[in-house]
């Protein structure tokens, strides 16, 4: 059967740089960092004491307090971003279409803070202190499950848990469900809330996090010679995907087309990327092939760009291998320089930023590129956003376990 076209009609953001599309995107374009010293708990005993915290979030704007207490933070963020995206898209659900609307919102780690609290209860007070809401409040598919219940969506109900590529995989797989007729509308993306003592300590043990604690706002510095690891972030990014004719028939606002989706595996190492960028290169090539886009048509890449010593070089190598001479002409930026790394939510947030880049014809900056690494020798849009013609954008996400995902967005 012929594939149906898929478009983006709604966006929802809960991020360290702002809650809601307007605030978050304005701060990204302005190059404002959302990274500060951790305030959620006392981080003084940890090697990394900084993070991209969501600030000013009030879950009772979205959920009754009694229900919210039964859910982990990542579920709060995911539901809030999804509700914002659904409002933005103007989606209405009823008996005539409920079975054609689905949800696919994942997470890399899930409900770690609530897991920690439950363990403390068990340790200090025994089994009777463990809440009956502990399991349904923490498992990864509960953003999708609760959203489906909240709105009565009866289409596909899914969640990916593919580490830092989770949201990208959720969006890509949702696009395919629409392309092949399993749904007309999918609410998809990712949510993460692992900013907890155990979460930070675990990543510190991996030596994955920046220890630039005295200067939080410059700690996330993708492509910079002095980068020393990523900064953990939290939040959610959700997009509404819709079959193109369906969106046009109801007069929906269309941000752009989701033109292609690619995946690959490094099959190399649990946490480290391939030095030669092979997995990432094949992922991007697969996404371009799926989109029917020539390599010289890509104008902008929202890179994975985590600010790790190995990862930034590997992604640069992968881009150069995939795009050849055209790589030098592509604007490549890492918005993680401002948000930190939202792990399983990163791809959802960055998909939203890619759609907004196409809408506004502006490439977001990479901030904190003070001394560009000679081995990272592409155009990383340093310091300042760039007004430019963007017809095709690519968003990259690469996760632990060597799992890779890429999305191609095209201007309509």
Protein backbone atom coordinates (compact mmCIF):
# COMPACT_ATOMS: atom_id res chain seq x y z
CA UNK A 1 0.00 0.00 0.00
CA UNK A 2 1.06 3.58 -0.57
CA UNK A 3 2.41 5.38 2.47
CA UNK A 4 0.33 8.24 3.81
CA UNK A 5 2.01 11.58 4.53
CA UNK A 6 2.52 12.56 8.17
CA UNK A 7 2.61 16.12 9.50
CA UNK A 8 3.26 17.79 12.85
CA UNK A 9 0.23 19.71 14.15
CA UNK A 10 0.95 20.18 17.86
CA UNK A 11 3.87 20.72 20.22
CA UNK A 12 4.20 20.51 24.00
CA UNK A 13 7.29 21.35 26.04
CA UNK A 14 8.24 21.11 29.71
CA UNK A 15 11.94 21.92 29.93
CA UNK A 16 14.70 23.57 31.94
CA UNK A 17 14.45 26.54 29.57
CA UNK A 18 10.72 26.99 30.06
CA UNK A 19 7.28 25.48 30.32
CA UNK A 20 5.29 25.81 27.11
CA UNK A 21 6.45 26.29 23.54
CA UNK A 22 6.58 30.09 23.60
CA UNK A 23 8.81 30.46 26.66
CA UNK A 24 11.08 27.52 25.89
CA UNK A 25 11.65 28.41 22.23
CA UNK A 26 12.22 32.09 23.02
CA UNK A 27 14.95 31.17 25.49
CA UNK A 28 16.55 28.68 23.10
CA UNK A 29 16.73 31.22 20.27
CA UNK A 30 18.14 33.78 22.73
CA UNK A 31 20.83 31.33 23.80
CA UNK A 32 19.78 31.25 27.46
CA UNK A 33 20.95 28.37 29.61
CA UNK A 34 18.55 26.58 31.93
CA UNK A 35 21.31 24.89 33.92
CA UNK A 36 21.83 25.74 37.60
CA UNK A 37 23.06 24.16 40.82
CA UNK A 38 20.72 21.36 41.91
CA UNK A 39 18.03 22.58 44.30
CA UNK A 40 15.83 19.45 44.40
CA UNK A 41 18.09 17.86 47.02
CA UNK A 42 21.47 18.52 48.63
CA UNK A 43 24.04 17.54 45.97
CA UNK A 44 27.14 18.41 47.98
CA UNK A 45 28.38 14.82 48.20
CA UNK A 46 28.19 14.27 44.43
CA UNK A 47 30.79 14.85 41.77
CA UNK A 48 28.26 16.66 39.59
CA UNK A 49 26.11 19.17 41.48
CA UNK A 50 24.43 20.89 38.53
CA UNK A 51 21.46 20.07 36.33
CA UNK A 52 18.80 21.37 34.00
CA UNK A 53 15.90 21.50 36.46
CA UNK A 54 12.34 22.31 35.43
CA UNK A 55 11.45 25.48 37.31
CA UNK A 56 8.04 26.75 38.40
CA UNK A 57 6.17 23.61 37.42
CA UNK A 58 2.76 23.19 39.07
CA UNK A 59 1.32 19.76 38.38
CA UNK A 60 -2.10 20.84 39.69
CA UNK A 61 -2.52 22.92 36.54
CA UNK A 62 -2.85 19.60 34.74
CA UNK A 63 -3.98 16.99 37.28
CA UNK A 64 -5.99 16.84 40.51
CA UNK A 65 -3.57 16.74 43.50
CA UNK A 66 -4.84 13.35 44.67
CA UNK A 67 -4.11 11.75 41.29
CA UNK A 68 -0.76 13.49 40.95
CA UNK A 69 0.47 12.03 44.24
CA UNK A 70 0.07 8.56 42.74
CA UNK A 71 2.48 9.28 39.87
CA UNK A 72 6.20 9.84 39.52
CA UNK A 73 7.60 13.16 38.35
CA UNK A 74 8.29 11.93 34.81
CA UNK A 75 4.59 11.09 34.43
CA UNK A 76 3.70 14.62 35.56
CA UNK A 77 6.02 16.15 32.98
CA UNK A 78 4.88 13.84 30.20
CA UNK A 79 1.19 14.43 30.82
CA UNK A 80 1.70 18.19 31.03
CA UNK A 81 3.61 18.32 27.73
CA UNK A 82 1.05 16.05 26.06
CA UNK A 83 -1.87 18.17 27.28
CA UNK A 84 -0.11 21.28 25.92
CA UNK A 85 0.49 19.55 22.57
CA UNK A 86 -3.11 18.38 22.27
CA UNK A 87 -4.36 21.90 22.98
CA UNK A 88 -1.92 23.30 20.43
CA UNK A 89 -3.17 20.86 17.80
CA UNK A 90 -6.84 21.44 18.58
CA UNK A 91 -7.54 17.71 18.71
CA UNK A 92 -11.11 16.76 19.62
CA UNK A 93 -11.95 13.18 20.56
CA UNK A 94 -15.31 11.43 20.46
CA UNK A 95 -16.90 8.06 19.70
CA UNK A 96 -16.36 8.63 15.97
CA UNK A 97 -12.57 8.93 16.15
CA UNK A 98 -11.28 7.70 19.53
CA UNK A 99 -10.06 4.42 18.03
CA UNK A 100 -8.01 6.35 15.43
CA UNK A 101 -6.01 8.39 17.97
CA UNK A 102 -3.08 6.77 19.77
CA UNK A 103 -0.30 7.57 22.21
CA UNK A 104 3.38 6.60 22.18
CA UNK A 105 5.34 8.41 24.90
CA UNK A 106 8.44 6.77 26.32
CA UNK A 107 11.21 7.30 28.83
CA UNK A 108 14.80 6.23 29.22
CA UNK A 109 14.69 5.40 32.91
CA UNK A 110 11.18 6.06 34.21
CA UNK A 111 10.11 6.67 37.78
CA UNK A 112 13.41 6.67 39.63
CA UNK A 113 12.51 9.23 42.36
CA UNK A 114 9.37 7.29 43.30
CA UNK A 115 11.38 4.06 43.26
CA UNK A 116 13.86 5.61 45.70
CA UNK A 117 11.02 6.76 47.96
CA UNK A 118 9.44 3.29 47.91
CA UNK A 119 12.75 1.68 48.79
CA UNK A 120 13.18 4.05 51.72
CA UNK A 121 9.68 3.14 52.92
CA UNK A 122 10.42 -0.57 52.66
CA UNK A 123 13.79 -0.24 54.38
CA UNK A 124 12.53 1.91 57.24
CA UNK A 125 9.00 0.63 57.79
CA UNK A 126 8.63 -2.74 56.12
CA UNK A 127 6.39 -3.95 53.30
CA UNK A 128 3.29 -2.21 54.64
CA UNK A 129 4.94 1.14 53.92
CA UNK A 130 5.07 0.45 50.18
CA UNK A 131 2.25 2.22 48.36
CA UNK A 132 -0.10 0.24 46.10
CA UNK A 133 0.50 3.04 43.59
CA UNK A 134 4.25 2.42 43.53
CA UNK A 135 4.34 0.13 40.48
CA UNK A 136 1.69 1.88 38.33
CA UNK A 137 3.23 5.21 39.30
CA UNK A 138 6.71 4.40 38.04
CA UNK A 139 6.63 2.10 35.01
CA UNK A 140 7.60 3.64 31.71
CA UNK A 141 4.33 3.24 29.79
CA UNK A 142 2.31 5.18 32.36
CA UNK A 143 2.48 8.51 30.56
CA UNK A 144 0.86 6.85 27.56
CA UNK A 145 -1.54 4.86 29.72
CA UNK A 146 -2.72 7.77 31.83
CA UNK A 147 -3.05 10.06 28.81
CA UNK A 148 -5.16 7.49 26.97
CA UNK A 149 -7.42 7.17 30.02
CA UNK A 150 -7.62 10.94 30.51
CA UNK A 151 -8.81 11.62 26.95
CA UNK A 152 -10.36 8.30 25.97
CA UNK A 153 -7.86 7.63 23.18
CA UNK A 154 -8.44 4.05 22.01
CA UNK A 155 -5.83 3.72 19.28
CA UNK A 156 -2.31 2.30 19.77
CA UNK A 157 -0.99 2.74 23.33
CA UNK A 158 2.79 2.31 23.41
CA UNK A 159 6.05 3.41 25.01
CA UNK A 160 9.69 2.92 24.04
CA UNK A 161 12.44 2.62 26.65
CA UNK A 162 15.48 2.92 24.41
CA UNK A 163 17.61 5.12 26.66
CA UNK A 164 18.48 8.51 25.15
CA UNK A 165 16.78 7.61 21.84
CA UNK A 166 13.42 6.72 23.41
CA UNK A 167 11.44 9.80 22.39
CA UNK A 168 12.87 9.78 18.87
CA UNK A 169 11.90 6.14 18.45
CA UNK A 170 8.41 6.88 19.80
CA UNK A 171 7.96 9.66 17.25
CA UNK A 172 9.38 7.65 14.36
CA UNK A 173 7.34 4.55 15.11
CA UNK A 174 4.22 6.69 15.54
CA UNK A 175 4.81 8.17 12.12
CA UNK A 176 4.90 4.68 10.65
CA UNK A 177 1.66 3.73 12.38
CA UNK A 178 0.02 6.67 10.62
CA UNK A 179 1.75 6.01 7.30
CA UNK A 180 0.38 2.49 7.14
CA UNK A 181 -3.11 3.24 8.40
CA UNK A 182 -3.09 2.04 12.01
CA UNK A 183 -3.93 5.52 13.30
CA UNK A 184 -4.80 8.98 12.00
CA UNK A 185 -3.34 10.88 14.96
CA UNK A 186 -0.54 9.97 17.38
CA UNK A 187 0.54 11.91 20.46
CA UNK A 188 4.19 10.96 20.88
CA UNK A 189 7.51 11.87 22.46
CA UNK A 190 9.26 11.31 25.75
CA UNK A 191 9.44 12.28 29.41
CA UNK A 192 12.17 12.01 32.03
CA UNK A 193 12.48 12.92 35.69
CA UNK A 194 15.58 11.14 36.94
CA UNK A 195 17.00 14.14 38.76
CA UNK A 196 17.41 12.30 42.07
CA UNK A 197 20.33 11.36 44.32
CA UNK A 198 20.52 7.85 42.90
CA UNK A 199 20.16 9.00 39.29
CA UNK A 200 22.92 11.59 39.56
CA UNK A 201 25.16 9.27 41.61
CA UNK A 202 24.80 6.52 39.03
CA UNK A 203 25.78 8.77 36.15
CA UNK A 204 28.65 10.19 38.21
CA UNK A 205 29.87 6.63 38.74
CA UNK A 206 29.95 6.23 34.96
CA UNK A 207 31.99 9.45 34.75
CA UNK A 208 29.41 10.68 32.27
CA UNK A 209 28.56 14.03 33.90
CA UNK A 210 30.28 17.39 33.88
CA UNK A 211 31.91 18.38 37.17
CA UNK A 212 32.10 22.07 36.31
CA UNK A 213 30.07 22.87 39.43
CA UNK A 214 31.38 26.40 39.87
CA UNK A 215 29.97 27.59 36.54
CA UNK A 216 26.72 25.71 35.78
CA UNK A 217 25.61 27.76 32.78
CA UNK A 218 28.78 27.03 30.82
CA UNK A 219 29.14 23.39 31.89
CA UNK A 220 27.32 21.91 28.91
CA UNK A 221 29.65 22.80 26.06
CA UNK A 222 29.23 20.51 23.05
CA UNK A 223 32.06 20.61 20.51
CA UNK A 224 34.28 22.63 22.89
CA UNK A 225 37.80 21.39 23.52
CA UNK A 226 37.33 21.58 27.31
CA UNK A 227 34.03 19.69 27.53
CA UNK A 228 34.00 17.19 30.38
CA UNK A 229 30.67 15.37 30.18
CA UNK A 230 26.97 16.05 29.86
CA UNK A 231 24.69 17.87 32.28
CA UNK A 232 21.61 15.93 33.36
CA UNK A 233 18.28 17.54 32.49
CA UNK A 234 14.62 16.72 33.08
CA UNK A 235 11.29 17.43 31.42
CA UNK A 236 9.26 16.29 28.44
CA UNK A 237 8.78 16.95 24.76
CA UNK A 238 5.65 15.79 22.95
CA UNK A 239 4.49 16.26 19.36
CA UNK A 240 1.16 15.55 17.71
CA UNK A 241 1.53 13.69 14.43
CA UNK A 242 -1.36 13.54 12.02
CA UNK A 243 -2.12 12.13 8.61
CA UNK A 244 -1.75 15.05 6.21
CA UNK A 245 -5.16 14.90 4.54
CA UNK A 246 -6.82 14.46 7.94
CA UNK A 247 -5.06 17.57 9.25
CA UNK A 248 -5.97 19.65 6.20
CA UNK A 249 -9.59 18.51 6.31
CA UNK A 250 -10.04 19.92 9.80
CA UNK A 251 -8.07 23.09 9.03
CA UNK A 252 -5.24 22.27 11.41
CA UNK A 253 -2.13 24.39 11.78
CA UNK A 254 0.77 22.43 10.28
CA UNK A 255 4.33 23.01 11.50
CA UNK A 256 6.08 20.71 9.05
CA UNK A 257 6.10 17.19 7.62
CA UNK A 258 7.71 14.22 9.33
CA UNK A 259 9.28 12.96 6.14
CA UNK A 260 11.57 10.19 7.33
CA UNK A 261 12.77 8.00 10.17
CA UNK A 262 15.89 5.92 10.54
CA UNK A 263 17.34 3.50 13.09
CA UNK A 264 20.52 1.51 13.58
CA UNK A 265 22.62 -0.27 16.18
CA UNK A 266 26.28 0.33 16.95
CA UNK A 267 26.74 -3.26 18.23
CA UNK A 268 29.90 -1.91 19.82
CA UNK A 269 29.76 -0.98 23.54
CA UNK A 270 27.21 -0.42 26.30
CA UNK A 271 27.97 3.29 26.75
CA UNK A 272 30.64 4.37 24.24
CA UNK A 273 29.92 5.20 20.59
CA UNK A 274 31.83 3.76 17.66
CA UNK A 275 34.96 5.85 17.07
CA UNK A 276 34.26 5.85 13.34
CA UNK A 277 30.65 6.98 13.81
CA UNK A 278 29.40 3.95 11.89
CA UNK A 279 26.13 3.40 13.73
CA UNK A 280 25.17 7.07 13.74
CA UNK A 281 26.12 7.42 10.08
CA UNK A 282 23.92 4.49 9.05
CA UNK A 283 21.05 5.82 11.15
CA UNK A 284 21.16 9.20 9.39
CA UNK A 285 21.49 7.55 5.97
CA UNK A 286 18.49 5.34 6.73
CA UNK A 287 16.41 8.35 7.76
CA UNK A 288 17.30 10.22 4.58
CA UNK A 289 16.52 7.21 2.42
CA UNK A 290 13.18 6.74 4.16
CA UNK A 291 12.38 10.41 3.55
CA UNK A 292 13.42 10.33 -0.09
CA UNK A 293 15.73 13.26 0.65
CA UNK A 294 19.11 13.77 -0.99
CA UNK A 295 21.98 14.50 1.36
CA UNK A 296 22.60 17.92 -0.15
CA UNK A 297 19.02 18.94 0.68
CA UNK A 298 19.58 18.93 4.46
CA UNK A 299 20.01 22.45 5.83
CA UNK A 300 20.01 21.96 9.60
CA UNK A 301 20.82 19.19 12.07
CA UNK A 302 19.73 19.26 15.69
CA UNK A 303 22.58 17.09 16.86
CA UNK A 304 22.67 14.63 19.72
CA UNK A 305 25.66 16.72 20.87
CA UNK A 306 25.84 15.78 24.54
CA UNK A 307 29.17 17.45 25.45
CA UNK A 308 30.99 14.18 26.10
CA UNK A 309 34.61 13.80 24.98
CA UNK A 310 33.93 10.73 22.83
CA UNK A 311 30.38 11.35 21.68
CA UNK A 312 30.84 14.75 20.08
CA UNK A 313 33.77 13.56 17.98
CA UNK A 314 31.95 10.39 16.92
CA UNK A 315 28.88 12.36 15.83
CA UNK A 316 31.04 14.81 13.89
CA UNK A 317 32.75 11.91 12.10
CA UNK A 318 29.36 10.33 11.38
CA UNK A 319 27.95 13.54 9.88
CA UNK A 320 31.01 13.95 7.66
CA UNK A 321 30.80 10.33 6.51
CA UNK A 322 27.07 10.58 5.82
CA UNK A 323 27.05 13.94 4.05
CA UNK A 324 30.50 14.14 2.48
CA UNK A 325 31.45 17.60 1.24
CA UNK A 326 27.96 18.90 2.04
CA UNK A 327 28.59 18.40 5.79
CA UNK A 328 30.52 21.68 5.94
CA UNK A 329 27.48 23.54 4.58
CA UNK A 330 25.00 22.21 7.16
CA UNK A 331 24.17 24.23 10.28
CA UNK A 332 24.64 21.77 13.16
CA UNK A 333 23.66 22.80 16.68
CA UNK A 334 23.20 21.19 20.05
CA UNK A 335 20.38 22.66 22.11
CA UNK A 336 21.63 20.47 24.97
CA UNK A 337 24.12 23.27 25.57
CA UNK A 338 21.12 25.11 27.08
CA UNK A 339 18.80 22.35 28.30
CA UNK A 340 21.22 19.69 29.42
CA UNK A 341 20.56 16.09 28.44
CA UNK A 342 16.96 15.02 29.07
CA UNK A 343 17.84 11.36 28.45
CA UNK A 344 14.68 9.62 27.19
CA UNK A 345 12.89 12.95 26.69
CA UNK A 346 15.71 14.56 24.70
CA UNK A 347 14.49 13.48 21.28
CA UNK A 348 10.97 14.76 21.92
CA UNK A 349 12.20 18.17 22.98
CA UNK A 350 14.63 18.36 20.08
CA UNK A 351 12.00 17.24 17.57
CA UNK A 352 9.88 20.16 18.76
CA UNK A 353 12.85 22.51 18.38
CA UNK A 354 13.46 21.17 14.86
CA UNK A 355 9.82 21.82 13.91
CA UNK A 356 10.08 25.35 15.29
CA UNK A 357 13.34 25.92 13.41
CA UNK A 358 11.49 25.06 10.19
CA UNK A 359 8.54 27.26 11.12
CA UNK A 360 10.62 30.31 12.01
CA UNK A 361 13.52 29.71 9.59
CA UNK A 362 16.10 30.00 12.35
CA UNK A 363 18.84 27.63 13.49
CA UNK A 364 19.22 27.62 17.28
CA UNK A 365 22.72 28.26 18.59
CA UNK A 366 25.18 26.05 20.38
CA UNK A 367 26.29 28.11 23.35
CA UNK A 368 29.56 27.71 25.28
CA UNK A 369 31.76 26.93 22.29
CA UNK A 370 34.72 28.87 23.67
CA UNK A 371 37.55 26.84 22.12
CA UNK A 372 36.22 24.63 19.36
CA UNK A 373 37.75 21.17 19.36
CA UNK A 374 39.85 20.76 16.19
CA UNK A 375 38.36 17.28 15.84
CA UNK A 376 34.88 18.83 15.82
CA UNK A 377 35.23 20.92 12.70
CA UNK A 378 31.70 21.57 11.41
CA UNK A 379 29.50 24.67 11.56
CA UNK A 380 27.96 24.42 15.04
CA UNK A 381 26.12 27.78 14.95
CA UNK A 382 28.19 29.08 17.87
CA UNK A 383 26.78 31.52 20.44
CA UNK A 384 24.02 33.15 18.38
CA UNK A 385 20.94 31.86 16.56
CA UNK A 386 21.07 32.18 12.78
CA UNK A 387 18.31 33.31 10.46
CA UNK A 388 18.58 31.07 7.42
CA UNK A 389 16.61 29.12 4.86
CA UNK A 390 15.70 25.71 6.29
CA UNK A 391 13.71 23.33 4.11
CA UNK A 392 14.91 20.06 5.62
CA UNK A 393 16.02 19.39 9.20
CA UNK A 394 17.40 16.23 10.78
CA UNK A 395 17.20 15.42 14.50
CA UNK A 396 19.65 12.86 15.94
CA UNK A 397 19.35 10.76 19.10
CA UNK A 398 21.84 8.11 20.18
CA UNK A 399 21.45 6.01 23.33
CA UNK A 400 23.28 3.67 25.67
CA UNK A 401 23.34 0.16 24.30
CA UNK A 402 24.22 1.54 20.88
CA UNK A 403 20.62 2.36 19.91
CA UNK A 404 20.23 5.16 17.36
CA UNK A 405 17.30 7.11 15.94
CA UNK A 406 16.93 9.94 13.46
CA UNK A 407 13.99 12.02 12.24
CA UNK A 408 13.79 14.04 9.03
CA UNK A 409 11.43 17.01 9.05
CA UNK A 410 10.51 18.89 5.87
CA UNK A 411 9.03 22.33 5.44
CA UNK A 412 5.58 22.48 3.86
